[in-house]
Each structure stands twice: as structure tokens, then as C-alpha cells.
Amino acid sequence: MPIEQRVMNAPRKPIGARSGAAPTEPAAAGKGDEPKARKSKKLLIIVMVLVVAIAAAAYFLVFAPKDTEAAEPAPEPGAVLAVEAMSINLAQGHYLRLGLGLQLTTEALEVDAAKARDAAIALFSGRTVEEVSDPATRAMLKIELADELAELYDGEVMGVYLTDYVTQ
């Protein structure tokens, strides 16, 4: 009985093929696919470049900051208007004596202090002594008052100073 010897992972030769000749089928198939593969790679690269170009154009047209829009310059500080000190009723029979200084802008012409007094009374009245005595709460109330005054005076008031602050 003859012994058959096989080598694993070696390319198989068709039956009847010579030992030195290479199979012709795979080589013929590779030549026909090569131009199609090059065309598809070129097409893929062109499509990717177009997508990146469109995304960049969309970013610059929609999301990028526009230099044509000039930002409003920051207001310049002008005079400080002193608002007469007032007594504000707090909770539990206590009161707060509050004096204000309004930092006006240079564009402010005539500013009536009545709006500032009214806003301060509305903001501080009814609060507890402990609440208005706490430095953190006082700072938050001052910021809130400054924001409200900037809105009430249409930007003519750019800051507020607490010139008199006594609780009892």
C-alpha cells in the first residue's frame, strides 16, 4: 500500500497540473478587479473630501463668530448719584437703614432716585435680620439690586454701592 503524504497549508494544485506551473485562475481574476478597486478608492476619497468641505463651510457660515457684528463697547463709569438713606421694615419688628450710591454711566442724563428706592424697598423688606446681616446674602442682594436697577434705568446705572447699612 502506498503512503500518501500531504502538506498542510500548502496551495493545492489542480489535478493534472505540473508541479512547476502556478495556477492561472486567481491571477486572471486579480487583474480584472484592480481597476474597479482603484476607482472605488478614488470615489471614496473624493466623497470624504466633499463631506469635510461641506462640514467646514457649514461651521463657518452658521457657528463661527461673525466679525461684522460689532460688539457694544462697555459703558464708561460716570458720576455717582447718592440716594438718601431710608428705613426698611424687616421681619419681626426690626428694620434696616439703607443708603445707596448709584454708579451712573457717562450717557446718563437725569436719573430719578425714586426707582432705586422702590426697588430696594421691594427687595429688602420682610427679610429677617439674620438674613440681611449675613455677608454672603448681603452680597447676593446687592448683585440682584444692581441687575434690577440696570434694567429699570435702561443701562444708565451700571453699579450700586451700599453707603449706609444698619440693622436694628
Protein backbone atom coordinates (compact mmCIF):
# COMPACT_ATOMS: atom_id res chain seq x y z
CA MET A 1 0.00 0.00 0.00
CA PRO A 2 1.48 3.35 -0.98
CA ILE A 3 1.79 6.02 1.69
CA GLU A 4 0.22 9.33 0.84
CA GLN A 5 1.90 12.36 2.24
CA ARG A 6 0.14 15.73 2.44
CA VAL A 7 1.49 19.08 3.42
CA MET A 8 -0.94 21.26 5.30
CA ASN A 9 -1.43 24.90 4.40
CA ALA A 10 0.25 24.45 1.08
CA PRO A 11 -1.57 25.71 -2.01
CA ARG A 12 -3.40 22.91 -3.75
CA LYS A 13 -2.66 22.20 -7.30
CA PRO A 14 -5.37 21.12 -9.62
CA ILE A 15 -5.27 17.52 -10.57
CA GLY A 16 -3.13 17.01 -13.60
CA ALA A 17 -1.22 20.30 -13.20
CA ARG A 18 2.51 20.29 -13.50
CA SER A 19 4.50 20.73 -10.37
CA GLY A 20 6.31 23.93 -11.51
CA ALA A 21 3.33 25.74 -13.01
CA ALA A 22 1.29 28.12 -10.92
CA PRO A 23 -2.48 28.14 -11.14
CA THR A 24 -3.75 30.63 -13.68
CA GLU A 25 -7.22 31.26 -12.34
CA PRO A 26 -6.50 33.59 -9.37
CA ALA A 27 -4.10 35.75 -11.37
CA ALA A 28 -6.66 36.35 -14.07
CA ALA A 29 -9.32 37.33 -11.53
CA GLY A 30 -6.99 39.83 -9.77
CA LYS A 31 -6.22 41.77 -12.95
CA GLY A 32 -9.87 42.40 -13.73
CA ASP A 33 -10.68 43.68 -10.18
CA GLU A 34 -7.73 46.07 -9.88
CA PRO A 35 -9.16 48.97 -11.96
CA LYS A 36 -12.52 48.68 -10.18
CA ALA A 37 -10.80 48.78 -6.76
CA ARG A 38 -8.81 51.89 -7.75
CA LYS A 39 -11.95 53.64 -8.99
CA SER A 40 -13.87 52.83 -5.82
CA LYS A 41 -10.98 54.05 -3.62
CA LYS A 42 -10.76 57.30 -5.60
CA LEU A 43 -14.52 57.76 -5.37
CA LEU A 44 -14.43 57.13 -1.60
CA ILE A 45 -11.64 59.68 -1.13
CA ILE A 46 -13.48 62.28 -3.23
CA VAL A 47 -16.70 61.75 -1.26
CA MET A 48 -14.86 62.08 2.08
CA VAL A 49 -13.14 65.31 0.96
CA LEU A 50 -16.50 66.73 -0.13
CA VAL A 51 -18.12 65.83 3.21
CA VAL A 52 -15.31 67.53 5.13
CA ALA A 53 -15.53 70.61 2.89
CA ILE A 54 -19.30 70.87 3.37
CA ALA A 55 -18.96 70.45 7.14
CA ALA A 56 -16.30 73.17 7.29
CA ALA A 57 -18.42 75.53 5.20
CA ALA A 58 -21.46 74.90 7.42
CA TYR A 59 -19.40 75.63 10.54
CA PHE A 60 -18.05 78.91 9.20
CA LEU A 61 -21.43 80.04 7.90
CA VAL A 62 -23.53 79.05 10.91
CA PHE A 63 -21.47 78.63 14.06
CA ALA A 64 -18.37 80.78 13.66
CA PRO A 65 -18.44 84.18 15.35
CA LYS A 66 -19.09 86.95 12.91
CA ASP A 67 -16.59 89.80 12.77
CA THR A 68 -19.08 92.04 11.00
CA GLU A 69 -21.19 92.40 14.13
CA ALA A 70 -19.52 94.99 16.29
CA ALA A 71 -19.86 94.34 19.99
CA GLU A 72 -21.19 97.20 22.04
CA PRO A 73 -18.41 98.89 23.96
CA ALA A 74 -18.53 98.54 27.70
CA PRO A 75 -20.18 101.51 29.38
CA GLU A 76 -17.85 104.06 30.91
CA PRO A 77 -18.46 104.99 34.54
CA GLY A 78 -19.70 108.48 35.15
CA ALA A 79 -20.85 110.24 38.30
CA VAL A 80 -22.11 108.51 41.44
CA LEU A 81 -25.60 109.57 42.50
CA ALA A 82 -26.14 109.44 46.26
CA VAL A 83 -29.56 108.15 47.27
CA GLU A 84 -30.76 109.36 50.67
CA ALA A 85 -30.76 106.67 53.36
CA MET A 86 -34.13 105.07 54.07
CA SER A 87 -35.57 102.81 56.75
CA ILE A 88 -36.93 99.47 55.52
CA ASN A 89 -39.14 97.26 57.69
CA LEU A 90 -37.77 93.79 58.24
CA ALA A 91 -39.46 90.73 59.74
CA GLN A 92 -40.27 90.54 63.48
CA GLY A 93 -40.37 94.30 64.07
CA HIS A 94 -36.76 95.00 63.02
CA TYR A 95 -35.65 97.50 60.43
CA LEU A 96 -32.76 98.20 58.07
CA ARG A 97 -31.37 101.65 57.41
CA LEU A 98 -30.12 101.55 53.83
CA GLY A 99 -28.29 104.21 51.84
CA LEU A 100 -27.31 103.73 48.20
CA GLY A 101 -24.88 105.18 45.72
CA LEU A 102 -25.74 104.61 42.05
CA GLN A 103 -22.81 104.35 39.64
CA LEU A 104 -24.07 106.09 36.52
CA THR A 105 -22.69 105.78 33.01
CA THR A 106 -21.37 108.76 31.08
CA GLU A 107 -24.50 108.65 28.89
CA ALA A 108 -26.86 109.09 31.87
CA LEU A 109 -28.52 112.48 31.78
CA GLU A 110 -31.07 112.80 34.56
CA VAL A 111 -31.71 109.89 36.89
CA ASP A 112 -34.60 109.88 39.34
CA ALA A 113 -33.70 108.09 42.57
CA ALA A 114 -37.32 107.08 43.21
CA LYS A 115 -36.99 103.92 41.07
CA ALA A 116 -33.90 102.85 43.03
CA ARG A 117 -35.58 103.46 46.38
CA ASP A 118 -38.66 101.49 45.32
CA ALA A 119 -36.58 98.55 44.05
CA ALA A 120 -34.52 98.47 47.27
CA ILE A 121 -37.63 98.53 49.47
CA ALA A 122 -39.22 95.72 47.48
CA LEU A 123 -36.06 93.61 47.63
CA PHE A 124 -35.10 94.05 51.29
CA SER A 125 -38.42 94.43 53.13
CA GLY A 126 -39.79 91.46 55.04
CA ARG A 127 -36.44 89.69 55.35
CA THR A 128 -35.05 88.62 58.71
CA VAL A 129 -32.20 90.42 60.50
CA GLU A 130 -30.08 87.28 60.28
CA GLU A 131 -30.64 87.13 56.54
CA VAL A 132 -29.62 90.72 55.82
CA SER A 133 -26.72 90.54 58.30
CA ASP A 134 -25.10 87.54 56.60
CA PRO A 135 -22.28 88.82 54.33
CA ALA A 136 -22.94 86.23 51.60
CA THR A 137 -26.66 87.02 51.50
CA ARG A 138 -25.94 90.75 51.53
CA ALA A 139 -23.62 90.35 48.53
CA MET A 140 -26.28 88.37 46.64
CA LEU A 141 -28.93 91.00 47.44
CA LYS A 142 -26.58 93.74 46.24
CA ILE A 143 -25.98 91.91 42.94
CA GLU A 144 -29.72 91.36 42.50
CA LEU A 145 -30.40 95.04 43.19
CA ALA A 146 -27.70 96.14 40.72
CA ASP A 147 -29.18 93.90 38.00
CA GLU A 148 -32.68 95.22 38.64
CA LEU A 149 -31.50 98.83 38.60
CA ALA A 150 -29.61 98.33 35.34
CA GLU A 151 -32.85 97.09 33.81
CA LEU A 152 -35.03 99.81 35.37
CA TYR A 153 -32.73 102.59 34.21
CA ASP A 154 -32.12 101.11 30.72
CA GLY A 155 -28.38 100.67 31.26
CA GLU A 156 -27.77 104.16 32.68
CA VAL A 157 -26.93 102.64 36.08
CA MET A 158 -24.02 100.22 35.94
CA GLY A 159 -23.43 99.54 39.62
CA VAL A 160 -24.69 100.12 43.13
CA TYR A 161 -22.86 100.89 46.38
CA LEU A 162 -24.28 100.36 49.85
CA THR A 163 -23.38 103.61 51.60
CA ASP A 164 -25.44 103.09 54.76
CA TYR A 165 -26.34 99.66 56.14
CA VAL A 166 -27.56 99.45 59.75
CA THR A 167 -29.93 96.85 61.21
CA GLN A 168 -31.85 97.06 64.44
